[in-house]
């Protein structure tokens, strides 16, 4: 993986259909990385490892594919630090909102501090049941087709919090 470019990885490991879906996502990731590069490189020793790996330059489709996948290695620190910078920005936004509005919002959590107990795990069947149970829908009896549906987000959120 360390030797493949992002473009080579997409061509060699994905079907033609998957390439059409994944390439735009990779391009968004590359744009986000390049836009946040200063913050990424300034985020501790991991940021310095990411900077050393990409040699301070922009990511492109010709960059190493390993930069897409989080890991503790220098290349993987590129992906890890993108997530870290976005989480810090989101947590700062929540803190600002909490200060200004007085509304209590749960404090942020660093990804490195997350444990299995912080995660909610559902298998596909459980998730389908929960989503179905929290939807309002109208069915056309003649065609057996769903004509209208609405997800009850508060009920779904309550189930997730209880879990």
N, C-alpha and C. Protein backbone atom coordinates (compact mmCIF):
# COMPACT_ATOMS: atom_id res chain seq x y z
N UNK A 1 0.83 -1.19 0.00
CA UNK A 1 0.00 0.00 0.00
C UNK A 1 0.87 1.25 0.00
N UNK A 2 1.97 1.22 0.72
CA UNK A 2 2.82 2.40 0.82
C UNK A 2 3.38 2.83 -0.53
N UNK A 3 3.47 1.90 -1.49
CA UNK A 3 4.05 2.24 -2.78
C UNK A 3 3.03 2.71 -3.80
N UNK A 4 1.77 2.33 -3.63
CA UNK A 4 0.73 2.71 -4.58
C UNK A 4 0.34 4.17 -4.44
N UNK A 5 0.08 4.81 -5.57
CA UNK A 5 -0.48 6.15 -5.50
C UNK A 5 -1.99 6.00 -5.27
N UNK A 6 -2.62 7.09 -4.92
CA UNK A 6 -4.07 7.07 -4.71
C UNK A 6 -4.76 6.64 -6.00
N UNK A 7 -4.33 7.20 -7.11
CA UNK A 7 -4.91 6.86 -8.41
C UNK A 7 -4.72 5.38 -8.74
N UNK A 8 -3.50 4.86 -8.50
CA UNK A 8 -3.23 3.43 -8.74
C UNK A 8 -4.10 2.55 -7.87
N UNK A 9 -4.28 2.94 -6.60
CA UNK A 9 -5.11 2.17 -5.69
C UNK A 9 -6.55 2.09 -6.21
N UNK A 10 -7.08 3.22 -6.64
CA UNK A 10 -8.45 3.26 -7.15
C UNK A 10 -8.57 2.36 -8.38
N UNK A 11 -7.62 2.43 -9.28
CA UNK A 11 -7.68 1.64 -10.51
C UNK A 11 -7.50 0.14 -10.24
N UNK A 12 -6.56 -0.21 -9.38
CA UNK A 12 -6.23 -1.61 -9.16
C UNK A 12 -7.17 -2.35 -8.20
N UNK A 13 -7.79 -1.63 -7.29
CA UNK A 13 -8.56 -2.31 -6.24
C UNK A 13 -10.08 -2.09 -6.32
N UNK A 14 -10.53 -1.29 -7.25
CA UNK A 14 -11.96 -1.00 -7.33
C UNK A 14 -12.50 -1.33 -8.71
N UNK A 15 -13.76 -1.74 -8.74
CA UNK A 15 -14.41 -1.98 -10.02
C UNK A 15 -14.70 -0.64 -10.68
N UNK A 16 -15.07 -0.67 -11.94
CA UNK A 16 -15.36 0.55 -12.67
C UNK A 16 -16.49 1.33 -11.98
N UNK A 17 -17.52 0.62 -11.53
CA UNK A 17 -18.63 1.27 -10.84
C UNK A 17 -18.17 1.88 -9.52
N UNK A 18 -17.37 1.14 -8.76
CA UNK A 18 -16.86 1.63 -7.48
C UNK A 18 -15.97 2.85 -7.68
N UNK A 19 -15.20 2.86 -8.75
CA UNK A 19 -14.33 4.01 -9.04
C UNK A 19 -15.15 5.28 -9.19
N UNK A 20 -16.29 5.15 -9.90
CA UNK A 20 -17.16 6.31 -10.10
C UNK A 20 -17.73 6.84 -8.79
N UNK A 21 -17.92 5.98 -7.81
CA UNK A 21 -18.43 6.40 -6.50
C UNK A 21 -17.31 6.91 -5.59
N UNK A 22 -16.17 6.25 -5.63
CA UNK A 22 -15.09 6.55 -4.68
C UNK A 22 -14.25 7.75 -5.10
N UNK A 23 -13.97 7.91 -6.37
CA UNK A 23 -13.09 9.00 -6.82
C UNK A 23 -13.58 10.38 -6.34
N UNK A 24 -14.89 10.71 -6.47
CA UNK A 24 -15.32 12.02 -5.96
C UNK A 24 -15.13 12.15 -4.44
N UNK A 25 -15.31 11.07 -3.71
CA UNK A 25 -15.09 11.11 -2.26
C UNK A 25 -13.62 11.35 -1.94
N UNK A 26 -12.76 10.69 -2.68
CA UNK A 26 -11.31 10.88 -2.48
C UNK A 26 -10.92 12.32 -2.82
N UNK A 27 -11.52 12.86 -3.87
CA UNK A 27 -11.20 14.25 -4.24
C UNK A 27 -11.65 15.23 -3.16
N UNK A 28 -12.79 14.97 -2.52
CA UNK A 28 -13.24 15.81 -1.41
C UNK A 28 -12.25 15.69 -0.25
N UNK A 29 -11.80 14.46 0.04
CA UNK A 29 -10.82 14.25 1.11
C UNK A 29 -9.53 15.03 0.80
N UNK A 30 -9.06 14.93 -0.42
CA UNK A 30 -7.83 15.64 -0.82
C UNK A 30 -8.02 17.14 -0.65
N UNK A 31 -9.16 17.67 -1.10
CA UNK A 31 -9.43 19.10 -0.95
C UNK A 31 -9.46 19.51 0.52
N UNK A 32 -10.10 18.68 1.36
CA UNK A 32 -10.19 18.98 2.79
C UNK A 32 -8.79 18.95 3.42
N UNK A 33 -8.00 17.95 3.08
CA UNK A 33 -6.64 17.85 3.61
C UNK A 33 -5.84 19.10 3.23
N UNK A 34 -5.89 19.45 1.96
CA UNK A 34 -5.11 20.60 1.50
C UNK A 34 -5.59 21.91 2.13
N UNK A 35 -6.90 22.05 2.35
CA UNK A 35 -7.43 23.26 2.97
C UNK A 35 -7.05 23.34 4.46
N UNK A 36 -6.92 22.19 5.11
CA UNK A 36 -6.62 22.15 6.55
C UNK A 36 -5.15 21.86 6.84
N UNK A 37 -4.34 21.86 5.82
CA UNK A 37 -2.94 21.44 5.95
C UNK A 37 -2.21 22.15 7.08
N UNK A 38 -2.37 23.46 7.21
CA UNK A 38 -1.65 24.19 8.26
C UNK A 38 -2.04 23.67 9.65
N UNK A 39 -3.35 23.49 9.88
CA UNK A 39 -3.80 22.99 11.19
C UNK A 39 -3.34 21.55 11.41
N UNK A 40 -3.36 20.75 10.36
CA UNK A 40 -2.93 19.35 10.46
C UNK A 40 -1.45 19.28 10.85
N UNK A 41 -0.62 20.04 10.17
CA UNK A 41 0.82 19.99 10.41
C UNK A 41 1.20 20.56 11.78
N UNK A 42 0.35 21.44 12.32
CA UNK A 42 0.63 22.06 13.62
C UNK A 42 0.06 21.27 14.79
N UNK A 43 -0.50 20.08 14.55
CA UNK A 43 -1.15 19.34 15.63
C UNK A 43 -0.23 18.27 16.20
N UNK A 44 0.79 18.72 16.93
CA UNK A 44 1.65 17.81 17.67
C UNK A 44 2.57 16.96 16.83
N UNK A 45 3.11 15.91 17.46
CA UNK A 45 4.09 15.06 16.76
C UNK A 45 3.44 14.30 15.62
N UNK A 46 2.14 13.98 15.75
CA UNK A 46 1.45 13.28 14.67
C UNK A 46 1.34 14.16 13.44
N UNK A 47 1.06 15.45 13.67
CA UNK A 47 1.00 16.41 12.57
C UNK A 47 2.35 16.56 11.89
N UNK A 48 3.40 16.56 12.70
CA UNK A 48 4.75 16.64 12.14
C UNK A 48 5.08 15.40 11.31
N UNK A 49 4.59 14.23 11.76
CA UNK A 49 4.80 12.99 11.00
C UNK A 49 4.08 13.06 9.66
N UNK A 50 2.85 13.59 9.67
CA UNK A 50 2.10 13.75 8.43
C UNK A 50 2.81 14.71 7.49
N UNK A 51 3.32 15.81 8.04
CA UNK A 51 4.02 16.81 7.23
C UNK A 51 5.28 16.21 6.61
N UNK A 52 6.01 15.45 7.41
CA UNK A 52 7.23 14.82 6.90
C UNK A 52 6.89 13.82 5.79
N UNK A 53 5.79 13.10 5.94
CA UNK A 53 5.44 12.10 4.94
C UNK A 53 5.08 12.74 3.61
N UNK A 54 4.30 13.80 3.65
CA UNK A 54 3.90 14.45 2.38
C UNK A 54 4.88 15.56 1.99
N UNK A 55 5.92 15.71 2.80
CA UNK A 55 6.97 16.70 2.55
C UNK A 55 6.40 18.11 2.43
N UNK A 56 5.35 18.37 3.22
CA UNK A 56 4.76 19.70 3.27
C UNK A 56 4.00 20.12 2.03
N UNK A 57 3.84 19.22 1.06
CA UNK A 57 3.17 19.60 -0.19
C UNK A 57 1.69 19.22 -0.16
N UNK A 58 0.98 19.62 -1.18
CA UNK A 58 -0.44 19.27 -1.30
C UNK A 58 -0.59 17.79 -1.63
N UNK A 59 -1.70 17.22 -1.18
CA UNK A 59 -2.06 15.86 -1.61
C UNK A 59 -2.67 15.96 -3.00
N UNK A 60 -2.40 14.95 -3.81
CA UNK A 60 -2.99 14.84 -5.14
C UNK A 60 -3.31 13.36 -5.36
N UNK A 61 -3.89 13.05 -6.50
CA UNK A 61 -4.14 11.65 -6.85
C UNK A 61 -2.84 10.89 -7.05
N UNK A 62 -1.73 11.59 -7.19
CA UNK A 62 -0.41 10.96 -7.34
C UNK A 62 0.30 10.75 -6.00
N UNK A 63 -0.32 11.21 -4.92
CA UNK A 63 0.24 10.98 -3.58
C UNK A 63 0.07 9.51 -3.20
N UNK A 64 0.77 9.09 -2.17
CA UNK A 64 0.69 7.70 -1.71
C UNK A 64 -0.71 7.37 -1.19
N UNK A 65 -1.22 6.22 -1.57
CA UNK A 65 -2.56 5.79 -1.16
C UNK A 65 -2.66 5.62 0.35
N UNK A 66 -1.57 5.32 1.01
CA UNK A 66 -1.58 5.12 2.46
C UNK A 66 -2.04 6.36 3.21
N UNK A 67 -2.00 7.53 2.57
CA UNK A 67 -2.46 8.76 3.23
C UNK A 67 -3.98 8.77 3.43
N UNK A 68 -4.69 7.86 2.78
CA UNK A 68 -6.15 7.80 2.91
C UNK A 68 -6.62 7.03 4.13
N UNK A 69 -5.76 6.19 4.68
CA UNK A 69 -6.18 5.24 5.70
C UNK A 69 -5.52 5.53 7.04
N UNK A 70 -6.34 5.81 8.08
CA UNK A 70 -5.77 6.13 9.39
C UNK A 70 -4.92 5.00 9.95
N UNK A 71 -3.77 5.35 10.49
CA UNK A 71 -2.92 4.39 11.19
C UNK A 71 -1.90 5.17 12.01
N UNK A 72 -1.11 4.46 12.76
CA UNK A 72 -0.09 5.13 13.58
C UNK A 72 1.17 5.43 12.78
N UNK A 73 1.26 4.91 11.57
CA UNK A 73 2.43 5.19 10.71
C UNK A 73 2.32 6.60 10.14
N UNK A 74 3.42 7.14 9.67
CA UNK A 74 3.45 8.52 9.18
C UNK A 74 2.38 8.78 8.12
N UNK A 75 2.24 7.88 7.16
CA UNK A 75 1.25 8.08 6.10
C UNK A 75 -0.16 8.10 6.68
N UNK A 76 -0.45 7.21 7.58
CA UNK A 76 -1.76 7.14 8.19
C UNK A 76 -2.09 8.32 9.08
N UNK A 77 -1.06 9.02 9.54
CA UNK A 77 -1.29 10.21 10.35
C UNK A 77 -1.94 11.32 9.54
N UNK A 78 -1.81 11.28 8.23
CA UNK A 78 -2.50 12.27 7.39
C UNK A 78 -4.01 12.15 7.60
N UNK A 79 -4.53 10.94 7.47
CA UNK A 79 -5.96 10.71 7.65
C UNK A 79 -6.38 10.93 9.10
N UNK A 80 -5.59 10.44 10.03
CA UNK A 80 -5.92 10.59 11.44
C UNK A 80 -6.00 12.06 11.83
N UNK A 81 -5.08 12.86 11.35
CA UNK A 81 -5.05 14.27 11.71
C UNK A 81 -6.17 15.08 11.05
N UNK A 82 -6.61 14.69 9.85
CA UNK A 82 -7.76 15.35 9.24
C UNK A 82 -8.97 15.20 10.16
N UNK A 83 -9.20 13.97 10.61
CA UNK A 83 -10.33 13.70 11.51
C UNK A 83 -10.15 14.49 12.81
N UNK A 84 -8.95 14.49 13.37
CA UNK A 84 -8.69 15.19 14.61
C UNK A 84 -8.95 16.69 14.51
N UNK A 85 -8.51 17.31 13.41
CA UNK A 85 -8.72 18.74 13.21
C UNK A 85 -10.21 19.05 13.08
N UNK A 86 -10.94 18.21 12.35
CA UNK A 86 -12.38 18.43 12.19
C UNK A 86 -13.11 18.27 13.52
N UNK A 87 -12.71 17.29 14.33
CA UNK A 87 -13.33 17.09 15.64
C UNK A 87 -13.05 18.29 16.54
N UNK A 88 -11.81 18.78 16.55
CA UNK A 88 -11.47 19.95 17.37
C UNK A 88 -12.32 21.15 16.96
N UNK A 89 -12.47 21.36 15.66
CA UNK A 89 -13.27 22.49 15.17
C UNK A 89 -14.73 22.33 15.60
N UNK A 90 -15.26 21.12 15.48
CA UNK A 90 -16.64 20.86 15.88
C UNK A 90 -16.82 21.07 17.38
N UNK A 91 -15.90 20.56 18.18
CA UNK A 91 -15.99 20.73 19.63
C UNK A 91 -15.90 22.21 20.01
N UNK A 92 -15.06 22.97 19.32
CA UNK A 92 -14.95 24.41 19.59
C UNK A 92 -16.27 25.12 19.24
N UNK A 93 -16.88 24.71 18.14
CA UNK A 93 -18.16 25.29 17.74
C UNK A 93 -19.23 24.98 18.78
N UNK A 94 -19.27 23.73 19.28
CA UNK A 94 -20.23 23.36 20.32
C UNK A 94 -20.01 24.16 21.60
N UNK A 95 -18.74 24.33 21.98
CA UNK A 95 -18.43 25.09 23.19
C UNK A 95 -18.88 26.54 23.03
N UNK A 96 -18.66 27.13 21.86
CA UNK A 96 -19.09 28.50 21.60
C UNK A 96 -20.61 28.60 21.69
N UNK A 97 -21.30 27.65 21.08
CA UNK A 97 -22.76 27.64 21.12
C UNK A 97 -23.27 27.51 22.56
N UNK A 98 -22.66 26.61 23.31
CA UNK A 98 -23.06 26.40 24.71
C UNK A 98 -22.87 27.68 25.52
N UNK A 99 -21.72 28.35 25.33
CA UNK A 99 -21.45 29.59 26.05
C UNK A 99 -22.46 30.68 25.70
N UNK A 100 -22.78 30.81 24.42
CA UNK A 100 -23.66 31.89 23.97
C UNK A 100 -25.13 31.62 24.27
N UNK A 101 -25.55 30.35 24.15
CA UNK A 101 -26.96 30.04 24.30
C UNK A 101 -27.34 29.59 25.71
N UNK A 102 -26.37 29.11 26.45
CA UNK A 102 -26.65 28.56 27.76
C UNK A 102 -27.27 27.18 27.71
N UNK A 103 -27.44 26.63 26.51
CA UNK A 103 -28.01 25.29 26.36
C UNK A 103 -26.94 24.26 26.67
N UNK A 104 -27.26 23.30 27.51
CA UNK A 104 -26.26 22.26 27.82
C UNK A 104 -26.10 21.30 26.65
N UNK A 105 -24.88 21.12 26.24
CA UNK A 105 -24.55 20.15 25.20
C UNK A 105 -23.41 19.30 25.74
N UNK A 106 -23.47 18.01 25.45
CA UNK A 106 -22.42 17.11 25.92
C UNK A 106 -21.06 17.61 25.44
N UNK A 107 -20.07 17.49 26.29
CA UNK A 107 -18.73 17.93 25.91
C UNK A 107 -18.13 16.98 24.88
N UNK A 108 -17.17 17.46 24.14
CA UNK A 108 -16.53 16.66 23.11
C UNK A 108 -15.62 15.60 23.69
N UNK A 109 -15.23 14.70 22.83
CA UNK A 109 -14.35 13.61 23.22
C UNK A 109 -13.27 13.47 22.16
N UNK A 110 -12.05 13.42 22.58
CA UNK A 110 -10.95 13.21 21.66
C UNK A 110 -11.03 11.80 21.10
N UNK A 111 -10.77 11.61 19.80
CA UNK A 111 -10.84 10.25 19.24
C UNK A 111 -9.87 9.29 19.91
N UNK A 112 -8.74 9.80 20.37
CA UNK A 112 -7.77 8.92 21.02
C UNK A 112 -8.25 8.49 22.40
N UNK A 113 -9.21 9.24 22.99
CA UNK A 113 -9.74 8.88 24.30
C UNK A 113 -10.96 7.97 24.20
N UNK A 114 -11.48 7.77 22.99
CA UNK A 114 -12.66 6.93 22.81
C UNK A 114 -12.31 5.46 23.06
N UNK A 115 -13.22 4.79 23.76
CA UNK A 115 -13.06 3.36 24.01
C UNK A 115 -14.27 2.63 23.45
N UNK A 116 -14.26 1.32 23.52
CA UNK A 116 -15.40 0.54 23.03
C UNK A 116 -16.68 0.91 23.76
N UNK A 117 -16.57 1.33 25.01
CA UNK A 117 -17.77 1.68 25.76
C UNK A 117 -18.43 2.96 25.23
N UNK A 118 -17.69 3.76 24.44
CA UNK A 118 -18.26 4.96 23.84
C UNK A 118 -19.00 4.66 22.54
N UNK A 119 -18.85 3.47 22.03
CA UNK A 119 -19.42 3.13 20.73
C UNK A 119 -20.74 2.39 20.88
N UNK A 120 -21.62 2.60 19.94
CA UNK A 120 -22.88 1.88 19.88
C UNK A 120 -22.77 0.92 18.71
N UNK A 121 -23.07 -0.34 18.95
CA UNK A 121 -22.95 -1.34 17.91
C UNK A 121 -24.32 -1.95 17.63
N UNK A 122 -24.72 -1.91 16.39
CA UNK A 122 -25.96 -2.53 15.94
C UNK A 122 -25.63 -3.44 14.77
N UNK A 123 -26.29 -4.59 14.70
CA UNK A 123 -26.15 -5.36 13.47
C UNK A 123 -27.20 -4.81 12.50
N UNK A 124 -27.11 -5.23 11.25
CA UNK A 124 -27.96 -4.66 10.21
C UNK A 124 -29.45 -4.85 10.51
N UNK A 125 -29.81 -6.01 11.02
CA UNK A 125 -31.22 -6.29 11.30
C UNK A 125 -31.76 -5.39 12.41
N UNK A 126 -30.97 -5.22 13.49
CA UNK A 126 -31.40 -4.33 14.57
C UNK A 126 -31.61 -2.91 14.07
N UNK A 127 -30.67 -2.44 13.26
CA UNK A 127 -30.75 -1.08 12.74
C UNK A 127 -31.97 -0.90 11.84
N UNK A 128 -32.27 -1.89 11.01
CA UNK A 128 -33.45 -1.81 10.15
C UNK A 128 -34.72 -1.74 11.01
N UNK A 129 -34.80 -2.55 12.06
CA UNK A 129 -35.97 -2.53 12.93
C UNK A 129 -36.14 -1.18 13.63
N UNK A 130 -35.05 -0.62 14.11
CA UNK A 130 -35.12 0.66 14.81
C UNK A 130 -35.56 1.76 13.85
N UNK A 131 -35.00 1.77 12.65
CA UNK A 131 -35.39 2.79 11.66
C UNK A 131 -36.84 2.61 11.27
N UNK A 132 -37.26 1.39 11.01
CA UNK A 132 -38.65 1.13 10.64
C UNK A 132 -39.60 1.53 11.76
N UNK A 133 -39.24 1.24 12.99
CA UNK A 133 -40.09 1.56 14.13
C UNK A 133 -40.22 3.07 14.34
N UNK A 134 -39.28 3.83 13.83
CA UNK A 134 -39.30 5.28 14.01
C UNK A 134 -39.63 6.02 12.73
N UNK A 135 -40.39 5.38 11.87
CA UNK A 135 -40.83 6.01 10.62
C UNK A 135 -42.35 6.03 10.58
N UNK A 136 -42.85 7.08 9.98
CA UNK A 136 -44.26 7.14 9.63
C UNK A 136 -44.29 6.99 8.12
N UNK A 137 -45.14 6.13 7.62
CA UNK A 137 -45.18 5.94 6.18
C UNK A 137 -46.59 5.62 5.72
N UNK A 138 -46.89 5.99 4.48
CA UNK A 138 -48.16 5.70 3.83
C UNK A 138 -47.89 4.74 2.69
N UNK A 139 -48.68 3.69 2.61
CA UNK A 139 -48.54 2.71 1.55
C UNK A 139 -49.73 2.79 0.61
N UNK A 140 -49.46 2.66 -0.67
CA UNK A 140 -50.51 2.55 -1.67
C UNK A 140 -50.86 1.07 -1.74
N UNK A 141 -52.04 0.70 -1.28
CA UNK A 141 -52.43 -0.69 -1.15
C UNK A 141 -52.45 -1.40 -2.50
N UNK A 142 -52.88 -0.72 -3.54
CA UNK A 142 -52.98 -1.36 -4.86
C UNK A 142 -51.62 -1.74 -5.42
N UNK A 143 -50.62 -0.89 -5.24
CA UNK A 143 -49.31 -1.19 -5.83
C UNK A 143 -48.30 -1.68 -4.81
N UNK A 144 -48.67 -1.71 -3.55
CA UNK A 144 -47.77 -2.10 -2.46
C UNK A 144 -46.51 -1.26 -2.42
N UNK A 145 -46.61 -0.03 -2.87
CA UNK A 145 -45.45 0.86 -2.89
C UNK A 145 -45.60 1.93 -1.81
N UNK A 146 -44.50 2.32 -1.25
CA UNK A 146 -44.48 3.38 -0.26
C UNK A 146 -44.68 4.70 -0.99
N UNK A 147 -45.70 5.47 -0.59
CA UNK A 147 -45.96 6.73 -1.27
C UNK A 147 -45.40 7.92 -0.52
N UNK A 148 -45.24 7.76 0.80
CA UNK A 148 -44.74 8.86 1.60
C UNK A 148 -44.17 8.29 2.90
N UNK A 149 -43.03 8.84 3.34
CA UNK A 149 -42.49 8.41 4.62
C UNK A 149 -41.82 9.58 5.31
N UNK A 150 -41.72 9.47 6.64
CA UNK A 150 -41.11 10.52 7.44
C UNK A 150 -40.38 9.85 8.61
N UNK A 151 -39.11 10.15 8.76
CA UNK A 151 -38.32 9.60 9.86
C UNK A 151 -38.54 10.45 11.11
N UNK A 152 -38.94 9.80 12.18
CA UNK A 152 -39.12 10.51 13.46
C UNK A 152 -37.75 10.53 14.15
N UNK A 153 -37.03 11.62 13.92
CA UNK A 153 -35.64 11.71 14.38
C UNK A 153 -35.52 11.70 15.90
N UNK A 154 -36.46 12.30 16.61
CA UNK A 154 -36.37 12.34 18.07
C UNK A 154 -36.48 10.94 18.66
N UNK A 155 -37.38 10.12 18.11
CA UNK A 155 -37.52 8.76 18.59
C UNK A 155 -36.29 7.94 18.30
N UNK A 156 -35.73 8.12 17.12
CA UNK A 156 -34.51 7.41 16.74
C UNK A 156 -33.35 7.82 17.65
N UNK A 157 -33.23 9.12 17.89
CA UNK A 157 -32.17 9.62 18.76
C UNK A 157 -32.32 9.06 20.18
N UNK A 158 -33.57 8.95 20.67
CA UNK A 158 -33.82 8.41 22.01
C UNK A 158 -33.33 6.96 22.08
N UNK A 159 -33.64 6.16 21.05
CA UNK A 159 -33.18 4.77 21.03
C UNK A 159 -31.65 4.69 21.05
N UNK A 160 -31.01 5.53 20.29
CA UNK A 160 -29.54 5.52 20.25
C UNK A 160 -28.95 5.92 21.58
N UNK A 161 -29.52 6.91 22.23
CA UNK A 161 -29.01 7.33 23.54
C UNK A 161 -29.20 6.25 24.59
N UNK A 162 -30.36 5.58 24.54
CA UNK A 162 -30.62 4.52 25.51
C UNK A 162 -29.66 3.36 25.33
N UNK A 163 -29.26 3.11 24.12
CA UNK A 163 -28.35 2.00 23.83
C UNK A 163 -27.00 2.31 24.43
